[in-house]
Amino acid sequence: MSTMNLILMGLPGAGKGTQAQKILEDFDIPHISTGDIFRAAIKNETKMGLEAKKYIDAGNLVPDEVTNGIVSDRLAEADTKNGFLLDGYPRNIDQAHALKEIGEKLNKPLDGVINIHVEPDVLVERLSGRFICRTCGATYHKLYNKPKVEGTCDVCGGHDFYQRDDDKPATVKNRLDVNVKLNTPLIDYYGQEKLLYNVDGDRDIDDVYKDIKHILDNL
């Protein structure tokens, strides 16, 4: 089997987590999410992990060179021999350049960048649709999981619902704007590098995956 070194990109709510799971079921490669490898490096007290912990404990952002070091250590591990699926890295152009160098050093160059594209206003609908029953805490979604009787909780029959601040449209929109700003330069960069594959994420989960699998089978 040829190796497959991938990055998975997409805005919050685009369905990245779901598609990552499907990719891993079909292809024998590890899912490398920056959150997970940070926690592992800190727990195992690696040199880079201890370095990162200093910044995190002080409430500061971990600088790029430490993040790049943690990613480099992780990509050097034996389970990446068939490839890897990177998620949450790179976050900026400097990290993208560093990843290219890491790939050259480890002889693991990138094969493709899958970007699950969904228009931000669709994502605002998706992400701000959640509401909660104040009486029993049952969660609903105005698009995907409405109560059987409008305005009445299926679980306890209560009528008092609320939205968490995180789920309010203005907060969601703000979070998406920040991510668009981060992602746009990366999408342009990987487009120029001829590594970018855009997939329309505003469809049924299985249809989205069918497109992704087709891309991966042909890499």
N, C-alpha and C. Protein backbone atom coordinates (compact mmCIF):
# COMPACT_ATOMS: atom_id res chain seq x y z
N MET A 1 0.85 -1.19 0.00
CA MET A 1 0.00 0.00 0.00
C MET A 1 0.89 1.24 0.00
N SER A 2 0.53 2.21 -0.81
CA SER A 2 1.32 3.44 -0.79
C SER A 2 0.93 4.25 0.44
N THR A 3 1.84 5.08 0.91
CA THR A 3 1.53 5.86 2.11
C THR A 3 0.58 7.00 1.77
N MET A 4 -0.06 7.50 2.80
CA MET A 4 -1.01 8.58 2.59
C MET A 4 -0.89 9.59 3.73
N ASN A 5 -0.21 10.70 3.44
CA ASN A 5 0.01 11.73 4.45
C ASN A 5 -0.94 12.89 4.18
N LEU A 6 -1.89 13.07 5.10
CA LEU A 6 -3.00 13.98 4.82
C LEU A 6 -3.19 15.04 5.89
N ILE A 7 -3.77 16.16 5.47
CA ILE A 7 -4.30 17.14 6.41
C ILE A 7 -5.80 17.21 6.16
N LEU A 8 -6.57 17.30 7.25
CA LEU A 8 -8.02 17.48 7.13
C LEU A 8 -8.36 18.88 7.64
N MET A 9 -9.00 19.67 6.79
CA MET A 9 -9.37 21.03 7.17
C MET A 9 -10.88 21.23 7.06
N GLY A 10 -11.37 22.21 7.79
CA GLY A 10 -12.79 22.53 7.73
C GLY A 10 -13.14 23.43 8.89
N LEU A 11 -14.14 24.28 8.72
CA LEU A 11 -14.55 25.18 9.79
C LEU A 11 -15.29 24.39 10.87
N PRO A 12 -15.41 24.95 12.09
CA PRO A 12 -16.20 24.28 13.13
C PRO A 12 -17.60 23.98 12.61
N GLY A 13 -18.05 22.74 12.82
CA GLY A 13 -19.40 22.38 12.40
C GLY A 13 -19.46 21.81 10.99
N ALA A 14 -18.31 21.80 10.28
CA ALA A 14 -18.31 21.31 8.89
C ALA A 14 -18.35 19.78 8.83
N GLY A 15 -18.16 19.12 9.98
CA GLY A 15 -18.25 17.66 9.99
C GLY A 15 -16.91 16.96 9.91
N LYS A 16 -15.86 17.69 10.31
CA LYS A 16 -14.51 17.15 10.23
C LYS A 16 -14.33 15.88 11.08
N GLY A 17 -14.83 15.93 12.31
CA GLY A 17 -14.68 14.79 13.22
C GLY A 17 -15.32 13.53 12.66
N THR A 18 -16.53 13.68 12.12
CA THR A 18 -17.26 12.54 11.55
C THR A 18 -16.50 11.95 10.37
N GLN A 19 -16.00 12.82 9.50
CA GLN A 19 -15.30 12.34 8.31
C GLN A 19 -13.95 11.71 8.69
N ALA A 20 -13.29 12.27 9.71
CA ALA A 20 -12.02 11.70 10.17
C ALA A 20 -12.24 10.24 10.59
N GLN A 21 -13.32 10.00 11.35
CA GLN A 21 -13.64 8.63 11.79
C GLN A 21 -13.78 7.70 10.60
N LYS A 22 -14.49 8.15 9.58
CA LYS A 22 -14.74 7.30 8.41
C LYS A 22 -13.43 7.01 7.66
N ILE A 23 -12.58 8.02 7.56
CA ILE A 23 -11.29 7.82 6.88
C ILE A 23 -10.49 6.74 7.63
N LEU A 24 -10.49 6.83 8.97
CA LEU A 24 -9.68 5.90 9.77
C LEU A 24 -10.22 4.48 9.68
N GLU A 25 -11.54 4.34 9.50
CA GLU A 25 -12.10 2.99 9.37
C GLU A 25 -11.62 2.33 8.08
N ASP A 26 -11.42 3.12 7.03
CA ASP A 26 -11.04 2.56 5.73
C ASP A 26 -9.54 2.52 5.48
N PHE A 27 -8.80 3.40 6.13
CA PHE A 27 -7.37 3.49 5.85
C PHE A 27 -6.61 3.35 7.17
N ASP A 28 -5.55 2.56 7.12
CA ASP A 28 -4.83 2.22 8.35
C ASP A 28 -3.80 3.30 8.69
N ILE A 29 -4.28 4.48 9.08
CA ILE A 29 -3.35 5.56 9.45
C ILE A 29 -3.83 6.21 10.75
N PRO A 30 -2.90 6.73 11.56
CA PRO A 30 -3.32 7.35 12.82
C PRO A 30 -3.91 8.75 12.60
N HIS A 31 -4.89 9.08 13.43
CA HIS A 31 -5.50 10.41 13.45
C HIS A 31 -4.69 11.25 14.44
N ILE A 32 -4.01 12.27 13.94
CA ILE A 32 -3.14 13.07 14.80
C ILE A 32 -3.76 14.44 15.01
N SER A 33 -4.43 14.57 16.16
CA SER A 33 -5.04 15.88 16.43
C SER A 33 -4.13 16.61 17.41
N THR A 34 -3.91 17.90 17.14
CA THR A 34 -2.92 18.63 17.95
C THR A 34 -3.27 18.60 19.43
N GLY A 35 -4.56 18.72 19.76
CA GLY A 35 -4.95 18.67 21.17
C GLY A 35 -4.45 17.40 21.84
N ASP A 36 -4.67 16.27 21.17
CA ASP A 36 -4.27 14.97 21.75
C ASP A 36 -2.77 14.86 21.92
N ILE A 37 -2.02 15.29 20.88
CA ILE A 37 -0.56 15.09 20.99
C ILE A 37 0.06 16.05 22.00
N PHE A 38 -0.55 17.22 22.16
CA PHE A 38 -0.09 18.14 23.21
C PHE A 38 -0.26 17.48 24.57
N ARG A 39 -1.48 16.94 24.81
CA ARG A 39 -1.74 16.31 26.11
C ARG A 39 -0.79 15.16 26.35
N ALA A 40 -0.55 14.34 25.30
CA ALA A 40 0.34 13.18 25.44
C ALA A 40 1.78 13.62 25.73
N ALA A 41 2.24 14.65 25.01
CA ALA A 41 3.63 15.12 25.20
C ALA A 41 3.82 15.66 26.61
N ILE A 42 2.78 16.35 27.12
CA ILE A 42 2.88 16.93 28.47
C ILE A 42 2.86 15.80 29.51
N LYS A 43 1.95 14.83 29.29
CA LYS A 43 1.82 13.71 30.22
C LYS A 43 3.11 12.88 30.26
N ASN A 44 3.71 12.66 29.08
CA ASN A 44 4.94 11.85 29.01
C ASN A 44 6.19 12.66 29.33
N GLU A 45 5.98 13.95 29.61
CA GLU A 45 7.08 14.84 29.98
C GLU A 45 8.22 14.80 28.97
N THR A 46 7.88 14.81 27.68
CA THR A 46 8.93 14.91 26.66
C THR A 46 9.53 16.31 26.75
N LYS A 47 10.69 16.48 26.12
CA LYS A 47 11.36 17.77 26.16
C LYS A 47 10.41 18.88 25.65
N MET A 48 9.79 18.62 24.50
CA MET A 48 8.87 19.60 23.94
C MET A 48 7.60 19.74 24.78
N GLY A 49 7.18 18.64 25.36
CA GLY A 49 5.98 18.66 26.22
C GLY A 49 6.18 19.56 27.43
N LEU A 50 7.35 19.44 28.06
CA LEU A 50 7.67 20.27 29.23
C LEU A 50 7.74 21.74 28.82
N GLU A 51 8.29 21.97 27.63
CA GLU A 51 8.40 23.32 27.10
C GLU A 51 6.99 23.92 26.91
N ALA A 52 6.10 23.13 26.30
CA ALA A 52 4.73 23.58 26.05
C ALA A 52 4.01 23.86 27.37
N LYS A 53 4.24 22.99 28.35
CA LYS A 53 3.55 23.13 29.65
C LYS A 53 3.87 24.47 30.31
N LYS A 54 5.13 24.90 30.15
CA LYS A 54 5.53 26.20 30.73
C LYS A 54 4.62 27.32 30.21
N TYR A 55 4.38 27.32 28.90
CA TYR A 55 3.56 28.37 28.30
C TYR A 55 2.09 28.23 28.72
N ILE A 56 1.60 26.97 28.68
CA ILE A 56 0.19 26.74 29.00
C ILE A 56 -0.09 27.12 30.45
N ASP A 57 0.81 26.70 31.36
CA ASP A 57 0.62 27.02 32.78
C ASP A 57 0.60 28.52 33.03
N ALA A 58 1.35 29.26 32.20
CA ALA A 58 1.40 30.72 32.36
C ALA A 58 0.23 31.40 31.63
N GLY A 59 -0.62 30.57 31.00
CA GLY A 59 -1.78 31.12 30.28
C GLY A 59 -1.41 31.75 28.95
N ASN A 60 -0.24 31.37 28.41
CA ASN A 60 0.19 31.93 27.12
C ASN A 60 0.01 30.94 25.98
N LEU A 61 -0.03 31.46 24.76
CA LEU A 61 -0.07 30.59 23.59
C LEU A 61 1.27 29.89 23.43
N VAL A 62 1.21 28.64 23.04
CA VAL A 62 2.44 27.90 22.80
C VAL A 62 3.04 28.40 21.48
N PRO A 63 4.33 28.82 21.49
CA PRO A 63 4.91 29.35 20.25
C PRO A 63 5.04 28.28 19.17
N ASP A 64 5.10 28.75 17.92
CA ASP A 64 5.15 27.84 16.77
C ASP A 64 6.26 26.81 16.87
N GLU A 65 7.46 27.26 17.30
CA GLU A 65 8.57 26.30 17.25
C GLU A 65 8.34 25.12 18.20
N VAL A 66 7.64 25.36 19.32
CA VAL A 66 7.34 24.26 20.24
C VAL A 66 6.27 23.35 19.63
N THR A 67 5.23 23.97 19.07
CA THR A 67 4.18 23.19 18.41
C THR A 67 4.78 22.34 17.28
N ASN A 68 5.63 22.97 16.47
CA ASN A 68 6.27 22.24 15.36
C ASN A 68 7.11 21.08 15.89
N GLY A 69 7.79 21.31 17.02
CA GLY A 69 8.61 20.25 17.61
C GLY A 69 7.77 19.07 18.06
N ILE A 70 6.62 19.36 18.67
CA ILE A 70 5.73 18.29 19.15
C ILE A 70 5.17 17.50 17.96
N VAL A 71 4.81 18.22 16.90
CA VAL A 71 4.29 17.54 15.69
C VAL A 71 5.39 16.69 15.06
N SER A 72 6.59 17.25 14.98
CA SER A 72 7.72 16.53 14.38
C SER A 72 8.00 15.24 15.14
N ASP A 73 8.02 15.32 16.49
CA ASP A 73 8.22 14.11 17.31
C ASP A 73 7.15 13.06 17.02
N ARG A 74 5.90 13.55 16.91
CA ARG A 74 4.78 12.60 16.71
C ARG A 74 4.85 11.94 15.34
N LEU A 75 5.21 12.72 14.32
CA LEU A 75 5.26 12.16 12.96
C LEU A 75 6.44 11.20 12.77
N ALA A 76 7.40 11.26 13.71
CA ALA A 76 8.55 10.35 13.63
C ALA A 76 8.23 8.99 14.24
N GLU A 77 7.07 8.85 14.90
CA GLU A 77 6.74 7.58 15.56
C GLU A 77 6.39 6.50 14.53
N ALA A 78 6.56 5.24 14.98
CA ALA A 78 6.47 4.11 14.05
C ALA A 78 5.08 3.94 13.41
N ASP A 79 4.03 4.34 14.14
CA ASP A 79 2.68 4.08 13.60
C ASP A 79 2.32 4.94 12.40
N THR A 80 3.21 5.88 12.03
CA THR A 80 2.92 6.72 10.86
C THR A 80 3.56 6.17 9.59
N LYS A 81 4.01 4.91 9.65
CA LYS A 81 4.73 4.39 8.48
C LYS A 81 3.84 4.32 7.23
N ASN A 82 2.53 4.09 7.42
CA ASN A 82 1.60 4.09 6.26
C ASN A 82 1.04 5.46 5.96
N GLY A 83 1.35 6.42 6.84
CA GLY A 83 0.81 7.75 6.64
C GLY A 83 0.17 8.28 7.92
N PHE A 84 -0.52 9.41 7.78
CA PHE A 84 -1.15 10.05 8.95
C PHE A 84 -2.26 10.98 8.47
N LEU A 85 -3.15 11.29 9.41
CA LEU A 85 -4.21 12.26 9.16
C LEU A 85 -4.05 13.38 10.19
N LEU A 86 -3.57 14.53 9.75
CA LEU A 86 -3.34 15.66 10.66
C LEU A 86 -4.59 16.52 10.77
N ASP A 87 -4.90 16.89 12.00
CA ASP A 87 -6.12 17.63 12.24
C ASP A 87 -5.82 18.74 13.26
N GLY A 88 -6.04 20.00 12.87
CA GLY A 88 -5.76 21.11 13.78
C GLY A 88 -4.34 21.66 13.63
N TYR A 89 -3.64 21.18 12.66
CA TYR A 89 -2.28 21.66 12.36
C TYR A 89 -2.06 21.45 10.88
N PRO A 90 -1.41 22.38 10.18
CA PRO A 90 -0.93 23.68 10.65
C PRO A 90 -2.06 24.69 10.84
N ARG A 91 -1.81 25.67 11.73
CA ARG A 91 -2.79 26.73 11.99
C ARG A 91 -2.43 28.02 11.27
N ASN A 92 -1.21 28.11 10.77
CA ASN A 92 -0.79 29.34 10.07
C ASN A 92 0.28 28.98 9.04
N ILE A 93 0.66 29.98 8.25
CA ILE A 93 1.59 29.74 7.15
C ILE A 93 2.98 29.31 7.64
N ASP A 94 3.45 29.91 8.75
CA ASP A 94 4.76 29.51 9.28
C ASP A 94 4.75 28.02 9.65
N GLN A 95 3.65 27.57 10.27
CA GLN A 95 3.55 26.15 10.61
C GLN A 95 3.48 25.29 9.35
N ALA A 96 2.82 25.80 8.30
CA ALA A 96 2.72 25.05 7.04
C ALA A 96 4.11 24.86 6.43
N HIS A 97 4.92 25.92 6.48
CA HIS A 97 6.30 25.82 5.98
C HIS A 97 7.11 24.83 6.83
N ALA A 98 6.90 24.91 8.15
CA ALA A 98 7.62 23.99 9.04
C ALA A 98 7.23 22.55 8.75
N LEU A 99 5.93 22.33 8.49
CA LEU A 99 5.47 20.97 8.21
C LEU A 99 6.12 20.44 6.93
N LYS A 100 6.31 21.32 5.97
CA LYS A 100 6.96 20.91 4.72
C LYS A 100 8.39 20.45 5.02
N GLU A 101 9.09 21.21 5.87
CA GLU A 101 10.47 20.84 6.25
C GLU A 101 10.49 19.53 7.03
N ILE A 102 9.53 19.38 7.96
CA ILE A 102 9.46 18.13 8.74
C ILE A 102 9.25 16.94 7.79
N GLY A 103 8.34 17.14 6.82
CA GLY A 103 8.06 16.08 5.84
C GLY A 103 9.29 15.70 5.04
N GLU A 104 10.08 16.72 4.67
CA GLU A 104 11.31 16.44 3.91
C GLU A 104 12.33 15.70 4.78
N LYS A 105 12.43 16.16 6.04
CA LYS A 105 13.41 15.56 6.95
C LYS A 105 13.06 14.09 7.24
N LEU A 106 11.77 13.81 7.44
CA LEU A 106 11.34 12.45 7.80
C LEU A 106 11.02 11.61 6.57
N ASN A 107 11.16 12.22 5.39
CA ASN A 107 10.75 11.57 4.15
C ASN A 107 9.26 11.19 4.19
N LYS A 108 8.44 12.10 4.70
CA LYS A 108 6.99 11.89 4.76
C LYS A 108 6.30 13.13 4.20
N PRO A 109 6.48 13.40 2.89
CA PRO A 109 5.86 14.61 2.33
C PRO A 109 4.33 14.48 2.30
N LEU A 110 3.65 15.61 2.30
CA LEU A 110 2.19 15.60 2.24
C LEU A 110 1.71 15.08 0.89
N ASP A 111 0.62 14.29 0.93
CA ASP A 111 0.00 13.81 -0.32
C ASP A 111 -1.25 14.60 -0.68
N GLY A 112 -1.92 15.13 0.35
CA GLY A 112 -3.14 15.86 0.04
C GLY A 112 -3.69 16.59 1.25
N VAL A 113 -4.45 17.65 0.96
CA VAL A 113 -5.12 18.44 1.99
C VAL A 113 -6.60 18.44 1.62
N ILE A 114 -7.40 17.79 2.48
CA ILE A 114 -8.85 17.72 2.22
C ILE A 114 -9.51 18.86 2.99
N ASN A 115 -10.18 19.73 2.27
CA ASN A 115 -10.88 20.84 2.92
C ASN A 115 -12.39 20.63 2.77
N ILE A 116 -13.06 20.38 3.90
CA ILE A 116 -14.52 20.20 3.86
C ILE A 116 -15.15 21.59 3.90
N HIS A 117 -15.68 21.99 2.76
CA HIS A 117 -16.17 23.37 2.63
C HIS A 117 -17.68 23.46 2.87
N VAL A 118 -18.05 24.30 3.83
CA VAL A 118 -19.46 24.63 4.04
C VAL A 118 -19.52 26.14 4.23
N GLU A 119 -20.47 26.79 3.58
CA GLU A 119 -20.60 28.24 3.71
C GLU A 119 -20.83 28.63 5.18
N PRO A 120 -20.15 29.68 5.65
CA PRO A 120 -20.29 30.07 7.06
C PRO A 120 -21.74 30.30 7.50
N ASP A 121 -22.61 30.88 6.63
CA ASP A 121 -23.97 31.12 7.12
C ASP A 121 -24.73 29.81 7.35
N VAL A 122 -24.39 28.76 6.59
CA VAL A 122 -24.99 27.44 6.83
C VAL A 122 -24.50 26.90 8.17
N LEU A 123 -23.22 27.15 8.46
CA LEU A 123 -22.66 26.66 9.72
C LEU A 123 -23.25 27.39 10.92
N VAL A 124 -23.55 28.69 10.74
CA VAL A 124 -24.20 29.42 11.84
C VAL A 124 -25.52 28.74 12.18
N GLU A 125 -26.29 28.38 11.15
CA GLU A 125 -27.54 27.64 11.35
C GLU A 125 -27.30 26.33 12.10
N ARG A 126 -26.29 25.58 11.62
CA ARG A 126 -26.00 24.28 12.23
C ARG A 126 -25.59 24.43 13.68
N LEU A 127 -24.66 25.39 13.92
CA LEU A 127 -24.03 25.46 15.24
C LEU A 127 -24.86 26.23 16.25
N SER A 128 -25.74 27.11 15.76
CA SER A 128 -26.49 27.90 16.75
C SER A 128 -27.90 27.34 16.92
N GLY A 129 -28.13 26.13 16.41
CA GLY A 129 -29.47 25.54 16.50
C GLY A 129 -29.74 24.82 17.80
N ARG A 130 -28.71 24.69 18.65
CA ARG A 130 -28.88 23.87 19.85
C ARG A 130 -29.62 24.64 20.93
N PHE A 131 -30.59 24.00 21.56
CA PHE A 131 -31.23 24.61 22.73
C PHE A 131 -31.53 23.53 23.76
N ILE A 132 -31.71 23.96 25.00
CA ILE A 132 -31.70 23.02 26.13
C ILE A 132 -32.94 23.25 26.99
N CYS A 133 -33.50 22.14 27.49
CA CYS A 133 -34.63 22.25 28.42
C CYS A 133 -34.10 22.68 29.78
N ARG A 134 -34.65 23.78 30.29
CA ARG A 134 -34.14 24.30 31.56
C ARG A 134 -34.47 23.37 32.73
N THR A 135 -35.56 22.63 32.61
CA THR A 135 -36.00 21.78 33.72
C THR A 135 -35.15 20.53 33.86
N CYS A 136 -34.90 19.81 32.73
CA CYS A 136 -34.19 18.52 32.87
C CYS A 136 -32.86 18.46 32.13
N GLY A 137 -32.56 19.51 31.34
CA GLY A 137 -31.25 19.53 30.67
C GLY A 137 -31.20 18.77 29.35
N ALA A 138 -32.34 18.26 28.86
CA ALA A 138 -32.34 17.56 27.56
C ALA A 138 -31.94 18.54 26.45
N THR A 139 -31.14 18.07 25.49
CA THR A 139 -30.71 18.98 24.40
C THR A 139 -31.47 18.70 23.12
N TYR A 140 -31.76 19.77 22.40
CA TYR A 140 -32.47 19.68 21.13
C TYR A 140 -31.73 20.52 20.09
N HIS A 141 -32.14 20.35 18.84
CA HIS A 141 -31.57 21.17 17.77
C HIS A 141 -32.69 21.56 16.83
N LYS A 142 -32.72 22.86 16.47
CA LYS A 142 -33.87 23.31 15.70
C LYS A 142 -33.90 22.75 14.27
N LEU A 143 -32.76 22.22 13.79
CA LEU A 143 -32.78 21.59 12.47
C LEU A 143 -32.82 20.07 12.56
N TYR A 144 -32.02 19.49 13.49
CA TYR A 144 -31.80 18.05 13.45
C TYR A 144 -32.52 17.26 14.52
N ASN A 145 -32.98 17.94 15.54
CA ASN A 145 -33.50 17.17 16.66
C ASN A 145 -34.53 18.01 17.42
N LYS A 146 -35.67 18.24 16.77
CA LYS A 146 -36.70 19.07 17.41
C LYS A 146 -37.49 18.22 18.40
N PRO A 147 -38.06 18.87 19.43
CA PRO A 147 -38.98 18.11 20.30
C PRO A 147 -40.17 17.62 19.46
N LYS A 148 -40.75 16.46 19.86
CA LYS A 148 -41.88 15.90 19.08
C LYS A 148 -43.04 16.91 19.02
N VAL A 149 -43.29 17.55 20.17
CA VAL A 149 -44.32 18.60 20.18
C VAL A 149 -43.59 19.92 20.37
N GLU A 150 -43.81 20.86 19.45
CA GLU A 150 -43.08 22.12 19.51
C GLU A 150 -43.29 22.80 20.86
N GLY A 151 -42.16 23.23 21.48
CA GLY A 151 -42.26 23.96 22.75
C GLY A 151 -42.45 23.10 23.98
N THR A 152 -42.44 21.76 23.79
CA THR A 152 -42.61 20.86 24.93
C THR A 152 -41.47 19.84 24.95
N CYS A 153 -40.81 19.72 26.09
CA CYS A 153 -39.69 18.77 26.20
C CYS A 153 -40.20 17.33 26.16
N ASP A 154 -39.57 16.51 25.28
CA ASP A 154 -39.96 15.09 25.18
C ASP A 154 -39.74 14.35 26.50
N VAL A 155 -38.72 14.77 27.25
CA VAL A 155 -38.31 14.00 28.42
C VAL A 155 -39.18 14.32 29.64
N CYS A 156 -39.33 15.64 29.92
CA CYS A 156 -40.01 15.98 31.18
C CYS A 156 -41.29 16.78 30.97
N GLY A 157 -41.58 17.12 29.70
CA GLY A 157 -42.81 17.89 29.45
C GLY A 157 -42.68 19.38 29.77
N GLY A 158 -41.46 19.81 30.12
CA GLY A 158 -41.27 21.23 30.45
C GLY A 158 -41.42 22.12 29.22
N HIS A 159 -41.62 23.44 29.47
CA HIS A 159 -41.80 24.37 28.35
C HIS A 159 -40.76 25.48 28.36
N ASP A 160 -39.78 25.35 29.25
CA ASP A 160 -38.83 26.44 29.40
C ASP A 160 -37.49 26.03 28.79
N PHE A 161 -37.12 26.65 27.66
CA PHE A 161 -35.88 26.30 26.97
C PHE A 161 -34.92 27.48 26.99
N TYR A 162 -33.63 27.20 26.90
CA TYR A 162 -32.66 28.30 26.82
C TYR A 162 -31.51 27.89 25.90
N GLN A 163 -30.69 28.87 25.52
CA GLN A 163 -29.50 28.61 24.70
C GLN A 163 -28.25 28.98 25.46
N ARG A 164 -27.23 28.13 25.40
CA ARG A 164 -25.96 28.50 26.02
C ARG A 164 -25.35 29.65 25.24
N ASP A 165 -24.58 30.49 25.95
CA ASP A 165 -23.94 31.64 25.27
C ASP A 165 -23.11 31.20 24.07
N ASP A 166 -22.40 30.07 24.23
CA ASP A 166 -21.56 29.54 23.14
C ASP A 166 -22.36 29.24 21.88
N ASP A 167 -23.63 28.93 22.07
CA ASP A 167 -24.46 28.49 20.94
C ASP A 167 -25.25 29.63 20.32
N LYS A 168 -25.14 30.83 20.88
CA LYS A 168 -25.91 31.95 20.33
C LYS A 168 -25.32 32.39 18.98
N PRO A 169 -26.19 32.76 18.02
CA PRO A 169 -25.71 33.07 16.67
C PRO A 169 -24.54 34.05 16.63
N ALA A 170 -24.58 35.11 17.41
CA ALA A 170 -23.52 36.13 17.35
C ALA A 170 -22.17 35.52 17.76
N THR A 171 -22.19 34.69 18.82
CA THR A 171 -20.95 34.05 19.31
C THR A 171 -20.42 33.09 18.26
N VAL A 172 -21.34 32.31 17.69
CA VAL A 172 -20.96 31.33 16.68
C VAL A 172 -20.34 32.03 15.47
N LYS A 173 -20.98 33.12 15.04
CA LYS A 173 -20.51 33.84 13.86
C LYS A 173 -19.09 34.37 14.11
N ASN A 174 -18.89 34.89 15.29
CA ASN A 174 -17.59 35.41 15.68
C ASN A 174 -16.51 34.33 15.59
N ARG A 175 -16.85 33.14 16.16
CA ARG A 175 -15.90 32.02 16.16
C ARG A 175 -15.57 31.60 14.71
N LEU A 176 -16.57 31.59 13.86
CA LEU A 176 -16.35 31.22 12.46
C LEU A 176 -15.48 32.25 11.75
N ASP A 177 -15.74 33.54 12.01
CA ASP A 177 -14.94 34.60 11.38
C ASP A 177 -13.45 34.43 11.69
N VAL A 178 -13.17 34.12 12.97
CA VAL A 178 -11.78 33.92 13.40
C VAL A 178 -11.16 32.76 12.62
N ASN A 179 -11.94 31.67 12.48
CA ASN A 179 -11.43 30.49 11.77
C ASN A 179 -11.26 30.72 10.28
N VAL A 180 -12.17 31.49 9.69
CA VAL A 180 -12.04 31.81 8.26
C VAL A 180 -10.73 32.56 8.03
N LYS A 181 -10.48 33.52 8.93
CA LYS A 181 -9.24 34.32 8.82
C LYS A 181 -8.00 33.44 8.91
N LEU A 182 -8.04 32.44 9.80
CA LEU A 182 -6.90 31.53 9.96
C LEU A 182 -6.75 30.62 8.74
N ASN A 183 -7.89 30.10 8.27
CA ASN A 183 -7.84 29.06 7.23
C ASN A 183 -7.55 29.58 5.84
N THR A 184 -8.01 30.81 5.53
CA THR A 184 -7.92 31.30 4.15
C THR A 184 -6.49 31.28 3.60
N PRO A 185 -5.49 31.82 4.33
CA PRO A 185 -4.12 31.78 3.79
C PRO A 185 -3.62 30.34 3.56
N LEU A 186 -4.04 29.41 4.44
CA LEU A 186 -3.60 28.02 4.30
C LEU A 186 -4.21 27.39 3.06
N ILE A 187 -5.49 27.69 2.84
CA ILE A 187 -6.17 27.13 1.66
C ILE A 187 -5.51 27.66 0.39
N ASP A 188 -5.18 28.94 0.39
CA ASP A 188 -4.48 29.52 -0.77
C ASP A 188 -3.12 28.85 -0.98
N TYR A 189 -2.40 28.68 0.12
CA TYR A 189 -1.05 28.10 0.05
C TYR A 189 -1.10 26.68 -0.51
N TYR A 190 -2.01 25.84 0.04
CA TYR A 190 -2.06 24.45 -0.42
C TYR A 190 -2.65 24.35 -1.82
N GLY A 191 -3.44 25.34 -2.21
CA GLY A 191 -3.91 25.42 -3.59
C GLY A 191 -2.73 25.62 -4.53
N GLN A 192 -1.85 26.55 -4.16
CA GLN A 192 -0.65 26.82 -4.98
C GLN A 192 0.28 25.60 -5.03
N GLU A 193 0.33 24.87 -3.90
CA GLU A 193 1.20 23.68 -3.85
C GLU A 193 0.57 22.48 -4.58
N LYS A 194 -0.62 22.68 -5.13
CA LYS A 194 -1.36 21.63 -5.86
C LYS A 194 -1.68 20.42 -4.96
N LEU A 195 -1.96 20.70 -3.70
CA LEU A 195 -2.27 19.61 -2.76
C LEU A 195 -3.71 19.67 -2.28
N LEU A 196 -4.43 20.74 -2.66
CA LEU A 196 -5.74 21.01 -2.06
C LEU A 196 -6.87 20.30 -2.80
N TYR A 197 -7.74 19.64 -2.03
CA TYR A 197 -8.97 19.06 -2.58
C TYR A 197 -10.15 19.62 -1.78
N ASN A 198 -10.99 20.38 -2.45
CA ASN A 198 -12.18 20.91 -1.78
C ASN A 198 -13.34 19.94 -1.91
N VAL A 199 -14.02 19.68 -0.79
CA VAL A 199 -15.17 18.78 -0.81
C VAL A 199 -16.37 19.56 -0.27
N ASP A 200 -17.50 19.47 -0.95
CA ASP A 200 -18.70 20.18 -0.51
C ASP A 200 -19.30 19.46 0.70
N GLY A 201 -19.22 20.11 1.86
CA GLY A 201 -19.67 19.48 3.11
C GLY A 201 -21.13 19.72 3.44
N ASP A 202 -21.84 20.44 2.56
CA ASP A 202 -23.24 20.76 2.86
C ASP A 202 -24.17 19.71 2.25
N ARG A 203 -23.87 18.45 2.54
CA ARG A 203 -24.68 17.35 2.02
C ARG A 203 -24.73 16.24 3.05
N ASP A 204 -25.42 15.18 2.71
CA ASP A 204 -25.48 14.02 3.58
C ASP A 204 -24.07 13.51 3.89
N ILE A 205 -23.86 13.09 5.15
CA ILE A 205 -22.54 12.62 5.62
C ILE A 205 -21.94 11.58 4.67
N ASP A 206 -22.76 10.62 4.23
CA ASP A 206 -22.24 9.54 3.38
C ASP A 206 -21.84 10.05 2.00
N ASP A 207 -22.58 11.03 1.48
CA ASP A 207 -22.22 11.61 0.18
C ASP A 207 -20.90 12.36 0.26
N VAL A 208 -20.72 13.08 1.37
CA VAL A 208 -19.46 13.80 1.58
C VAL A 208 -18.32 12.79 1.62
N TYR A 209 -18.53 11.71 2.35
CA TYR A 209 -17.45 10.73 2.48
C TYR A 209 -17.15 10.02 1.15
N LYS A 210 -18.20 9.80 0.37
CA LYS A 210 -17.99 9.15 -0.93
C LYS A 210 -16.97 9.97 -1.76
N ASP A 211 -17.14 11.29 -1.74
CA ASP A 211 -16.20 12.17 -2.46
C ASP A 211 -14.80 12.08 -1.88
N ILE A 212 -14.72 12.10 -0.54
CA ILE A 212 -13.40 12.04 0.11
C ILE A 212 -12.71 10.72 -0.23
N LYS A 213 -13.46 9.62 -0.16
CA LYS A 213 -12.88 8.30 -0.42
C LYS A 213 -12.39 8.22 -1.87
N HIS A 214 -13.15 8.79 -2.77
CA HIS A 214 -12.77 8.80 -4.18
C HIS A 214 -11.42 9.53 -4.37
N ILE A 215 -11.29 10.67 -3.68
CA ILE A 215 -10.02 11.43 -3.74
C ILE A 215 -8.87 10.58 -3.19
N LEU A 216 -9.10 9.96 -2.01
CA LEU A 216 -8.02 9.21 -1.36
C LEU A 216 -7.64 7.97 -2.16
N ASP A 217 -8.64 7.30 -2.76
CA ASP A 217 -8.34 6.11 -3.56
C ASP A 217 -7.49 6.46 -4.77
N ASN A 218 -7.59 7.71 -5.22
CA ASN A 218 -6.86 8.11 -6.42
C ASN A 218 -5.57 8.87 -6.15
N LEU A 219 -5.24 9.04 -4.87
CA LEU A 219 -4.02 9.81 -4.56
C LEU A 219 -2.77 9.04 -5.02
